[in-house]
C-alpha atoms as a PDB file:
ATOM      1  CA  MET A   1       2.761   7.456  -7.879  1.00  0.00           C
ATOM      2  CA  GLU A   2       4.045   8.930  -4.648  1.00  0.00           C
ATOM      3  CA  HIS A   3       1.631  10.477  -2.121  1.00  0.00           C
ATOM      4  CA  PRO A   4       2.172  13.158   0.483  1.00  0.00           C
ATOM      5  CA  ASN A   5       1.623  11.903   4.053  1.00  0.00           C
ATOM      6  CA  THR A   6      -1.815  10.283   3.869  1.00  0.00           C
ATOM      7  CA  TYR A   7      -3.871   7.726   5.767  1.00  0.00           C
ATOM      8  CA  THR A   8      -6.699   5.885   4.040  1.00  0.00           C
ATOM      9  CA  LEU A   9      -9.411   4.149   6.018  1.00  0.00           C
ATOM     10  CA  GLY A  10     -11.055   1.147   4.404  1.00  0.00           C
ATOM     11  CA  LYS A  11     -14.688   0.128   4.827  1.00  0.00           C
ATOM     12  CA  VAL A  12     -13.943  -1.869   7.993  1.00  0.00           C
ATOM     13  CA  ALA A  13     -11.395   0.558   9.450  1.00  0.00           C
ATOM     14  CA  ASP A  14     -11.388   1.071  13.186  1.00  0.00           C
ATOM     15  CA  LYS A  15     -10.834   4.816  13.658  1.00  0.00           C
ATOM     16  CA  ASN A  16      -9.342   4.048  17.086  1.00  0.00           C
ATOM     17  CA  HIS A  17      -6.348   2.595  15.201  1.00  0.00           C
ATOM     18  CA  LEU A  18      -5.529   6.117  13.971  1.00  0.00           C
ATOM     19  CA  ILE A  19      -3.711   7.239  17.111  1.00  0.00           C
ATOM     20  CA  SER A  20      -2.753  10.767  15.992  1.00  0.00           C
ATOM     21  CA  SER A  21      -4.821  13.684  17.219  1.00  0.00           C
ATOM     22  CA  ASN A  22      -6.588  15.960  14.742  1.00  0.00           C
ATOM     23  CA  GLN A  23      -4.240  18.760  15.838  1.00  0.00           C
ATOM     24  CA  TYR A  24      -1.161  16.632  15.048  1.00  0.00           C
ATOM     25  CA  LEU A  25      -2.588  15.636  11.663  1.00  0.00           C
ATOM     26  CA  GLU A  26      -3.338  19.276  10.776  1.00  0.00           C
ATOM     27  CA  GLU A  27       0.026  20.600  12.015  1.00  0.00           C
ATOM     28  CA  ASN A  28       1.876  17.961   9.971  1.00  0.00           C
ATOM     29  CA  LYS A  29      -0.369  18.290   6.906  1.00  0.00           C
ATOM     30  CA  ILE A  30      -1.378  14.617   7.042  1.00  0.00           C
ATOM     31  CA  SER A  31      -4.562  13.862   5.095  1.00  0.00           C
ATOM     32  CA  VAL A  32      -7.075  11.205   6.167  1.00  0.00           C
ATOM     33  CA  TYR A  33      -9.605   9.749   3.711  1.00  0.00           C
ATOM     34  CA  ASP A  34     -12.417   7.225   4.055  1.00  0.00           C
ATOM     35  CA  ILE A  35     -12.266   5.112   0.905  1.00  0.00           C
ATOM     36  CA  ASP A  36     -14.176   2.279  -0.740  1.00  0.00           C
ATOM     37  CA  ARG A  37     -11.878  -0.695  -0.221  1.00  0.00           C
ATOM     38  CA  GLY A  38     -11.548  -3.441   2.330  1.00  0.00           C
ATOM     39  CA  GLY A  39      -9.069  -3.378   5.126  1.00  0.00           C
ATOM     40  CA  ASP A  40      -8.231  -1.131   8.023  1.00  0.00           C
ATOM     41  CA  ILE A  41      -5.912   1.887   7.947  1.00  0.00           C
ATOM     42  CA  THR A  42      -3.111   2.249   5.393  1.00  0.00           C
ATOM     43  CA  TYR A  43      -0.349   4.839   5.332  1.00  0.00           C
ATOM     44  CA  HIS A  44       0.987   6.285   2.073  1.00  0.00           C
ATOM     45  CA  GLY A  45       3.840   8.761   2.035  1.00  0.00           C
ATOM     46  CA  PRO A  46       6.975  10.177   0.439  1.00  0.00           C
ATOM     47  CA  GLY A  47       9.337   7.493  -0.827  1.00  0.00           C
ATOM     48  CA  GLN A  48       6.597   4.860  -1.062  1.00  0.00           C
ATOM     49  CA  ILE A  49       5.491   3.842  -4.543  1.00  0.00           C
ATOM     50  CA  VAL A  50       1.751   3.266  -4.949  1.00  0.00           C
ATOM     51  CA  GLY A  51       0.172   1.844  -8.075  1.00  0.00           C
ATOM     52  CA  TYR A  52      -3.489   1.912  -9.016  1.00  0.00           C
ATOM     53  CA  PRO A  53      -4.235  -0.619 -11.732  1.00  0.00           C
ATOM     54  CA  ILE A  54      -7.841  -0.335 -12.837  1.00  0.00           C
ATOM     55  CA  ILE A  55      -9.382  -3.522 -14.132  1.00  0.00           C
ATOM     56  CA  LYS A  56     -12.741  -5.222 -14.064  1.00  0.00           C
ATOM     57  CA  LEU A  57     -12.172  -8.269 -11.849  1.00  0.00           C
ATOM     58  CA  ASP A  58     -15.203  -9.949 -13.447  1.00  0.00           C
ATOM     59  CA  ASP A  59     -12.985 -10.338 -16.512  1.00  0.00           C
ATOM     60  CA  TRP A  60     -10.258 -11.970 -14.417  1.00  0.00           C
ATOM     61  CA  GLU A  61     -11.305 -14.271 -11.573  1.00  0.00           C
ATOM     62  CA  ARG A  62     -13.329 -12.124  -9.156  1.00  0.00           C
ATOM     63  CA  ASP A  63     -10.822 -12.896  -6.398  1.00  0.00           C
ATOM     64  CA  THR A  64      -9.282  -9.689  -5.073  1.00  0.00           C
ATOM     65  CA  HIS A  65      -6.731 -11.423  -2.846  1.00  0.00           C
ATOM     66  CA  LYS A  66      -5.538 -13.670  -5.676  1.00  0.00           C
ATOM     67  CA  TYR A  67      -5.221 -10.594  -7.903  1.00  0.00           C
ATOM     68  CA  LEU A  68      -3.169  -8.735  -5.267  1.00  0.00           C
ATOM     69  CA  ARG A  69      -0.838 -11.728  -4.830  1.00  0.00           C
ATOM     70  CA  ALA A  70      -0.357 -11.812  -8.635  1.00  0.00           C
ATOM     71  CA  LEU A  71       0.538  -8.089  -8.656  1.00  0.00           C
ATOM     72  CA  GLU A  72       2.986  -8.642  -5.801  1.00  0.00           C
ATOM     73  CA  GLU A  73       4.604 -11.467  -7.769  1.00  0.00           C
ATOM     74  CA  VAL A  74       5.107  -9.190 -10.790  1.00  0.00           C
ATOM     75  CA  ILE A  75       6.780  -6.585  -8.557  1.00  0.00           C
ATOM     76  CA  ILE A  76       8.952  -9.203  -6.804  1.00  0.00           C
ATOM     77  CA  ARG A  77      10.156 -10.561 -10.155  1.00  0.00           C
ATOM     78  CA  THR A  78      10.815  -7.034 -11.443  1.00  0.00           C
ATOM     79  CA  CYS A  79      12.855  -6.268  -8.316  1.00  0.00           C
ATOM     80  CA  LYS A  80      14.872  -9.439  -8.868  1.00  0.00           C
ATOM     81  CA  SER A  81      15.758  -8.299 -12.395  1.00  0.00           C
ATOM     82  CA  PHE A  82      17.286  -5.165 -10.789  1.00  0.00           C
ATOM     83  CA  GLY A  83      19.214  -7.193  -8.203  1.00  0.00           C
ATOM     84  CA  LEU A  84      16.791  -6.403  -5.372  1.00  0.00           C
ATOM     85  CA  SER A  85      15.338  -8.994  -3.031  1.00  0.00           C
ATOM     86  CA  GLY A  86      11.636  -8.229  -2.661  1.00  0.00           C
ATOM     87  CA  SER A  87       9.363 -10.538  -0.703  1.00  0.00           C
ATOM     88  CA  ARG A  88       5.923 -10.845   0.871  1.00  0.00           C
ATOM     89  CA  ASN A  89       4.982 -10.336   4.501  1.00  0.00           C
ATOM     90  CA  PRO A  90       2.160 -12.791   5.269  1.00  0.00           C
ATOM     91  CA  LYS A  91       0.517 -10.278   7.626  1.00  0.00           C
ATOM     92  CA  TYR A  92       0.362  -7.395   5.115  1.00  0.00           C
ATOM     93  CA  THR A  93      -0.272  -6.668   1.454  1.00  0.00           C
ATOM     94  CA  GLY A  94       2.634  -5.268  -0.547  1.00  0.00           C
ATOM     95  CA  VAL A  95       6.219  -5.979  -1.481  1.00  0.00           C
ATOM     96  CA  TRP A  96       8.772  -5.748   1.284  1.00  0.00           C
ATOM     97  CA  MET A  97      12.522  -5.210   1.448  1.00  0.00           C
ATOM     98  CA  ALA A  98      13.551  -6.804   4.761  1.00  0.00           C
ATOM     99  CA  ILE A  99      11.225  -5.234   7.376  1.00  0.00           C
ATOM    100  CA  ARG A 100       9.826  -2.329   5.347  1.00  0.00           C
ATOM    101  CA  LYS A 101       7.911  -1.794   2.156  1.00  0.00           C
ATOM    102  CA  LEU A 102       9.759  -1.265  -1.120  1.00  0.00           C
ATOM    103  CA  GLN A 103      10.566   2.435  -1.588  1.00  0.00           C
ATOM    104  CA  GLN A 104      11.189   4.532  -4.664  1.00  0.00           C
ATOM    105  CA  SER A 105      14.790   5.346  -3.671  1.00  0.00           C
ATOM    106  CA  GLU A 106      15.670   1.655  -4.007  1.00  0.00           C
ATOM    107  CA  LEU A 107      14.703   1.692  -7.678  1.00  0.00           C
ATOM    108  CA  ARG A 108      17.018   4.543  -8.677  1.00  0.00           C
END
């Protein structure tokens, strides 16, 4: 799916990392949500594809990071079949095209 401008704050998020003022967020209709996942702050917005697979990890291997790397690999291989060169960034989760995350416009 594709979200409007949104920031999600994981369970260990440092709210000081969200550098926009409340006024700026309101004026630009940017939503901020505390959510039940690990990690810090994540941006989701127009042009960015976000998927939400729902599985019981107990039935897999109970290793969230290994599961995320497997999902990235599926996306990288799918990109390759469309002639796109997706890759990982060791600092961040997701599939990247050069220095930015894969965007919906690249799949059209």
